[in-house]
Amino acid sequence: MIEVRPAIEKDLQQILDIYNDAIVNTTAVFQYDVHTIEMRREWFAQKQKDRYPVFVAEEGDAVVGFSTFGPFRNWPGYKYTVEHSIYVKNGHRRKGIGSILMRPLIDNARALRYHTIIAGIDADNTASIEFHRQFGFEQVAYFKEVGWKFGRWLNLVFMQFIV
């Protein structure tokens, strides 16, 4: 059985492993270099300081996914908008884990009085685009060739959910 709960310090290595797999093997993040555990600790400390949630999906003792949100843009006028991320461990995708990680993000955004949630998605990732549509996200932007990874240009879709 998979349970979702707030992340704690001991989850960081497994969160890091999931994130680094996304860097190395997917276009879910337009990042090239894997992160270190020190970087992940700093990331987690900043999330806690800024009161941004980090949730993990846990199956037994294994973290099989995580979700979070953070600032969309770093100017005061955007303070009611957040951008979210959901990552699921390789081998556990398409099993509903992303769905159970999305609900607490939306609930938390509501509780913290955010107005909108933004998702930035590789335009070729039709599964993620459809996943977001099922939660009520709408496509609001399509950026051509704004990312470069795996030797090719990547297009980026922005989707938006009004909380």
C-alpha atoms as a PDB file:
ATOM      1  CA  MET A   1       0.000   0.000   0.000  1.00  0.00           C
ATOM      2  CA  ILE A   2       1.262   3.463  -0.889  1.00  0.00           C
ATOM      3  CA  GLU A   3       0.978   6.245   1.669  1.00  0.00           C
ATOM      4  CA  VAL A   4       1.663   9.941   1.221  1.00  0.00           C
ATOM      5  CA  ARG A   5       3.194  11.957   4.025  1.00  0.00           C
ATOM      6  CA  PRO A   6       5.364  15.035   4.515  1.00  0.00           C
ATOM      7  CA  ALA A   7       9.009  14.366   3.720  1.00  0.00           C
ATOM      8  CA  ILE A   8      11.564  14.163   6.494  1.00  0.00           C
ATOM      9  CA  GLU A   9      15.358  14.365   6.517  1.00  0.00           C
ATOM     10  CA  LYS A  10      15.824  10.594   6.249  1.00  0.00           C
ATOM     11  CA  ASP A  11      13.946  10.609   2.899  1.00  0.00           C
ATOM     12  CA  LEU A  12      16.449  12.882   1.197  1.00  0.00           C
ATOM     13  CA  GLN A  13      18.740  10.189  -0.238  1.00  0.00           C
ATOM     14  CA  GLN A  14      15.805   8.419  -1.898  1.00  0.00           C
ATOM     15  CA  ILE A  15      14.395  11.749  -3.127  1.00  0.00           C
ATOM     16  CA  LEU A  16      17.840  12.547  -4.540  1.00  0.00           C
ATOM     17  CA  ASP A  17      18.016   9.180  -6.307  1.00  0.00           C
ATOM     18  CA  ILE A  18      14.632   9.774  -7.955  1.00  0.00           C
ATOM     19  CA  TYR A  19      15.583  13.302  -9.010  1.00  0.00           C
ATOM     20  CA  ASN A  20      18.981  12.279 -10.361  1.00  0.00           C
ATOM     21  CA  ASP A  21      17.366   9.522 -12.411  1.00  0.00           C
ATOM     22  CA  ALA A  22      15.070  12.166 -13.926  1.00  0.00           C
ATOM     23  CA  ILE A  23      18.099  14.327 -14.764  1.00  0.00           C
ATOM     24  CA  VAL A  24      20.034  11.498 -16.404  1.00  0.00           C
ATOM     25  CA  ASN A  25      17.213   9.683 -18.191  1.00  0.00           C
ATOM     26  CA  THR A  26      14.287  12.028 -18.862  1.00  0.00           C
ATOM     27  CA  THR A  27      13.303  15.478 -20.054  1.00  0.00           C
ATOM     28  CA  ALA A  28      11.169  16.044 -16.957  1.00  0.00           C
ATOM     29  CA  VAL A  29      13.838  18.504 -15.839  1.00  0.00           C
ATOM     30  CA  PHE A  30      16.047  20.485 -18.221  1.00  0.00           C
ATOM     31  CA  GLN A  31      19.099  19.877 -16.018  1.00  0.00           C
ATOM     32  CA  TYR A  32      22.358  18.188 -17.009  1.00  0.00           C
ATOM     33  CA  ASP A  33      24.352  17.601 -13.836  1.00  0.00           C
ATOM     34  CA  VAL A  34      23.261  15.251 -11.079  1.00  0.00           C
ATOM     35  CA  HIS A  35      22.798  16.715  -7.630  1.00  0.00           C
ATOM     36  CA  THR A  36      24.603  15.810  -4.437  1.00  0.00           C
ATOM     37  CA  ILE A  37      23.112  14.966  -1.060  1.00  0.00           C
ATOM     38  CA  GLU A  38      24.433  18.311   0.219  1.00  0.00           C
ATOM     39  CA  MET A  39      22.481  20.093  -2.513  1.00  0.00           C
ATOM     40  CA  ARG A  40      19.361  18.130  -1.611  1.00  0.00           C
ATOM     41  CA  ARG A  41      19.770  19.014   2.093  1.00  0.00           C
ATOM     42  CA  GLU A  42      20.056  22.713   1.193  1.00  0.00           C
ATOM     43  CA  TRP A  43      17.004  22.389  -1.065  1.00  0.00           C
ATOM     44  CA  PHE A  44      14.989  20.757   1.729  1.00  0.00           C
ATOM     45  CA  ALA A  45      16.093  23.329   4.319  1.00  0.00           C
ATOM     46  CA  GLN A  46      15.054  26.143   1.976  1.00  0.00           C
ATOM     47  CA  LYS A  47      11.667  24.492   1.340  1.00  0.00           C
ATOM     48  CA  GLN A  48      11.081  24.292   5.094  1.00  0.00           C
ATOM     49  CA  LYS A  49      12.224  27.871   5.660  1.00  0.00           C
ATOM     50  CA  ASP A  50       9.907  29.158   2.918  1.00  0.00           C
ATOM     51  CA  ARG A  51       7.019  26.953   4.123  1.00  0.00           C
ATOM     52  CA  TYR A  52       6.795  25.064   0.828  1.00  0.00           C
ATOM     53  CA  PRO A  53       5.618  21.471   1.229  1.00  0.00           C
ATOM     54  CA  VAL A  54       7.504  18.363   0.197  1.00  0.00           C
ATOM     55  CA  PHE A  55       5.473  15.158   0.129  1.00  0.00           C
ATOM     56  CA  VAL A  56       6.671  11.614  -0.404  1.00  0.00           C
ATOM     57  CA  ALA A  57       4.807   8.553  -1.600  1.00  0.00           C
ATOM     58  CA  GLU A  58       6.046   5.617   0.407  1.00  0.00           C
ATOM     59  CA  GLU A  59       5.605   1.917  -0.249  1.00  0.00           C
ATOM     60  CA  GLY A  60       6.939  -0.053   2.692  1.00  0.00           C
ATOM     61  CA  ASP A  61      10.253   1.621   3.490  1.00  0.00           C
ATOM     62  CA  ALA A  62      10.804   2.847  -0.060  1.00  0.00           C
ATOM     63  CA  VAL A  63      10.104   6.358  -1.302  1.00  0.00           C
ATOM     64  CA  VAL A  64       8.559   5.846  -4.746  1.00  0.00           C
ATOM     65  CA  GLY A  65       7.808   9.479  -5.548  1.00  0.00           C
ATOM     66  CA  PHE A  66       7.822  13.018  -4.247  1.00  0.00           C
ATOM     67  CA  SER A  67       6.076  16.298  -4.925  1.00  0.00           C
ATOM     68  CA  THR A  68       6.606  19.901  -3.991  1.00  0.00           C
ATOM     69  CA  PHE A  69       6.025  23.441  -5.114  1.00  0.00           C
ATOM     70  CA  GLY A  70       7.975  26.649  -4.966  1.00  0.00           C
ATOM     71  CA  PRO A  71       8.004  30.158  -6.364  1.00  0.00           C
ATOM     72  CA  PHE A  72       6.986  30.641  -9.974  1.00  0.00           C
ATOM     73  CA  ARG A  73       8.973  33.838 -10.477  1.00  0.00           C
ATOM     74  CA  ASN A  74      10.934  35.754  -7.925  1.00  0.00           C
ATOM     75  CA  TRP A  75       9.134  39.109  -7.945  1.00  0.00           C
ATOM     76  CA  PRO A  76       6.602  40.228  -5.311  1.00  0.00           C
ATOM     77  CA  GLY A  77       3.699  40.437  -7.758  1.00  0.00           C
ATOM     78  CA  TYR A  78       3.906  36.659  -8.290  1.00  0.00           C
ATOM     79  CA  LYS A  79       3.628  35.787  -4.590  1.00  0.00           C
ATOM     80  CA  TYR A  80       0.275  34.025  -5.050  1.00  0.00           C
ATOM     81  CA  THR A  81       1.551  31.749  -7.822  1.00  0.00           C
ATOM     82  CA  VAL A  82       3.595  28.576  -7.351  1.00  0.00           C
ATOM     83  CA  GLU A  83       5.181  26.092  -9.734  1.00  0.00           C
ATOM     84  CA  HIS A  84       4.960  22.454  -8.785  1.00  0.00           C
ATOM     85  CA  SER A  85       6.995  19.316  -9.425  1.00  0.00           C
ATOM     86  CA  ILE A  86       6.101  15.654  -9.161  1.00  0.00           C
ATOM     87  CA  TYR A  87       8.685  12.923  -9.677  1.00  0.00           C
ATOM     88  CA  VAL A  88       7.973   9.196  -9.579  1.00  0.00           C
ATOM     89  CA  LYS A  89      10.637   6.543  -9.245  1.00  0.00           C
ATOM     90  CA  ASN A  90      11.548   4.678 -12.418  1.00  0.00           C
ATOM     91  CA  GLY A  91       9.659   1.379 -12.477  1.00  0.00           C
ATOM     92  CA  HIS A  92       6.740   2.850 -10.520  1.00  0.00           C
ATOM     93  CA  ARG A  93       5.360   5.264 -13.114  1.00  0.00           C
ATOM     94  CA  ARG A  94       1.825   4.925 -14.478  1.00  0.00           C
ATOM     95  CA  LYS A  95       0.602   3.304 -11.271  1.00  0.00           C
ATOM     96  CA  GLY A  96      -1.331   6.279  -9.893  1.00  0.00           C
ATOM     97  CA  ILE A  97       1.476   7.544  -7.655  1.00  0.00           C
ATOM     98  CA  GLY A  98       1.527  10.954  -9.347  1.00  0.00           C
ATOM     99  CA  SER A  99      -2.193  11.308  -8.665  1.00  0.00           C
ATOM    100  CA  ILE A 100      -1.852  10.622  -4.978  1.00  0.00           C
ATOM    101  CA  LEU A 101       1.005  13.137  -4.805  1.00  0.00           C
ATOM    102  CA  MET A 102      -0.965  15.867  -6.613  1.00  0.00           C
ATOM    103  CA  ARG A 103      -3.939  16.041  -4.245  1.00  0.00           C
ATOM    104  CA  PRO A 104      -1.965  17.195  -1.156  1.00  0.00           C
ATOM    105  CA  LEU A 105      -0.190  19.814  -3.274  1.00  0.00           C
ATOM    106  CA  ILE A 106      -3.498  21.302  -4.371  1.00  0.00           C
ATOM    107  CA  ASP A 107      -4.915  21.112  -0.845  1.00  0.00           C
ATOM    108  CA  ASN A 108      -1.787  22.719   0.586  1.00  0.00           C
ATOM    109  CA  ALA A 109      -1.823  25.498  -2.013  1.00  0.00           C
ATOM    110  CA  ARG A 110      -5.435  26.213  -1.035  1.00  0.00           C
ATOM    111  CA  ALA A 111      -4.623  26.207   2.674  1.00  0.00           C
ATOM    112  CA  LEU A 112      -1.698  28.598   2.124  1.00  0.00           C
ATOM    113  CA  ARG A 113      -3.953  30.860   0.027  1.00  0.00           C
ATOM    114  CA  TYR A 114      -2.099  30.563  -3.263  1.00  0.00           C
ATOM    115  CA  HIS A 115      -4.150  31.512  -6.299  1.00  0.00           C
ATOM    116  CA  THR A 116      -2.631  29.437  -9.081  1.00  0.00           C
ATOM    117  CA  ILE A 117      -0.315  26.498  -9.700  1.00  0.00           C
ATOM    118  CA  ILE A 118       1.878  26.341 -12.798  1.00  0.00           C
ATOM    119  CA  ALA A 119       3.288  23.196 -14.406  1.00  0.00           C
ATOM    120  CA  GLY A 120       6.170  23.350 -16.881  1.00  0.00           C
ATOM    121  CA  ILE A 121       6.167  20.212 -19.056  1.00  0.00           C
ATOM    122  CA  ASP A 122       8.228  18.971 -22.000  1.00  0.00           C
ATOM    123  CA  ALA A 123       5.766  19.328 -24.879  1.00  0.00           C
ATOM    124  CA  ASP A 124       6.494  15.766 -26.041  1.00  0.00           C
ATOM    125  CA  ASN A 125       5.435  14.373 -22.650  1.00  0.00           C
ATOM    126  CA  THR A 126       1.814  13.771 -23.616  1.00  0.00           C
ATOM    127  CA  ALA A 127       1.261  11.491 -20.599  1.00  0.00           C
ATOM    128  CA  SER A 128       2.115  14.323 -18.204  1.00  0.00           C
ATOM    129  CA  ILE A 129       0.006  16.817 -20.146  1.00  0.00           C
ATOM    130  CA  GLU A 130      -2.998  14.474 -20.000  1.00  0.00           C
ATOM    131  CA  PHE A 131      -2.336  13.773 -16.310  1.00  0.00           C
ATOM    132  CA  HIS A 132      -2.500  17.488 -15.548  1.00  0.00           C
ATOM    133  CA  ARG A 133      -5.676  17.930 -17.614  1.00  0.00           C
ATOM    134  CA  GLN A 134      -7.358  15.299 -15.433  1.00  0.00           C
ATOM    135  CA  PHE A 135      -6.759  17.583 -12.437  1.00  0.00           C
ATOM    136  CA  GLY A 136      -8.167  20.637 -14.203  1.00  0.00           C
ATOM    137  CA  PHE A 137      -4.921  22.189 -15.450  1.00  0.00           C
ATOM    138  CA  GLU A 138      -5.251  24.059 -18.747  1.00  0.00           C
ATOM    139  CA  GLN A 139      -2.510  24.692 -21.279  1.00  0.00           C
ATOM    140  CA  VAL A 140      -1.748  28.410 -21.321  1.00  0.00           C
ATOM    141  CA  ALA A 141       1.567  28.618 -23.188  1.00  0.00           C
ATOM    142  CA  TYR A 142       3.701  26.744 -25.692  1.00  0.00           C
ATOM    143  CA  PHE A 143       7.343  27.769 -25.990  1.00  0.00           C
ATOM    144  CA  LYS A 144       9.261  26.474 -29.012  1.00  0.00           C
ATOM    145  CA  GLU A 145      12.837  25.252 -28.666  1.00  0.00           C
ATOM    146  CA  VAL A 146      13.569  26.786 -25.254  1.00  0.00           C
ATOM    147  CA  GLY A 147      15.447  23.798 -23.827  1.00  0.00           C
ATOM    148  CA  TRP A 148      18.344  21.682 -25.040  1.00  0.00           C
ATOM    149  CA  LYS A 149      18.891  18.130 -23.830  1.00  0.00           C
ATOM    150  CA  PHE A 150      19.939  14.790 -25.312  1.00  0.00           C
ATOM    151  CA  GLY A 151      21.214  16.557 -28.436  1.00  0.00           C
ATOM    152  CA  ARG A 152      17.911  18.122 -29.429  1.00  0.00           C
ATOM    153  CA  TRP A 153      15.746  21.176 -28.879  1.00  0.00           C
ATOM    154  CA  LEU A 154      12.854  20.813 -26.457  1.00  0.00           C
ATOM    155  CA  ASN A 155       9.554  22.656 -26.482  1.00  0.00           C
ATOM    156  CA  LEU A 156       7.936  23.624 -23.200  1.00  0.00           C
ATOM    157  CA  VAL A 157       4.247  23.696 -22.289  1.00  0.00           C
ATOM    158  CA  PHE A 158       2.961  25.729 -19.360  1.00  0.00           C
ATOM    159  CA  MET A 159      -0.239  24.502 -17.773  1.00  0.00           C
ATOM    160  CA  GLN A 160      -2.176  26.369 -15.102  1.00  0.00           C
ATOM    161  CA  PHE A 161      -4.588  25.422 -12.346  1.00  0.00           C
ATOM    162  CA  ILE A 162      -6.576  28.121 -10.576  1.00  0.00           C
ATOM    163  CA  VAL A 163      -6.772  27.028  -6.968  1.00  0.00           C
END
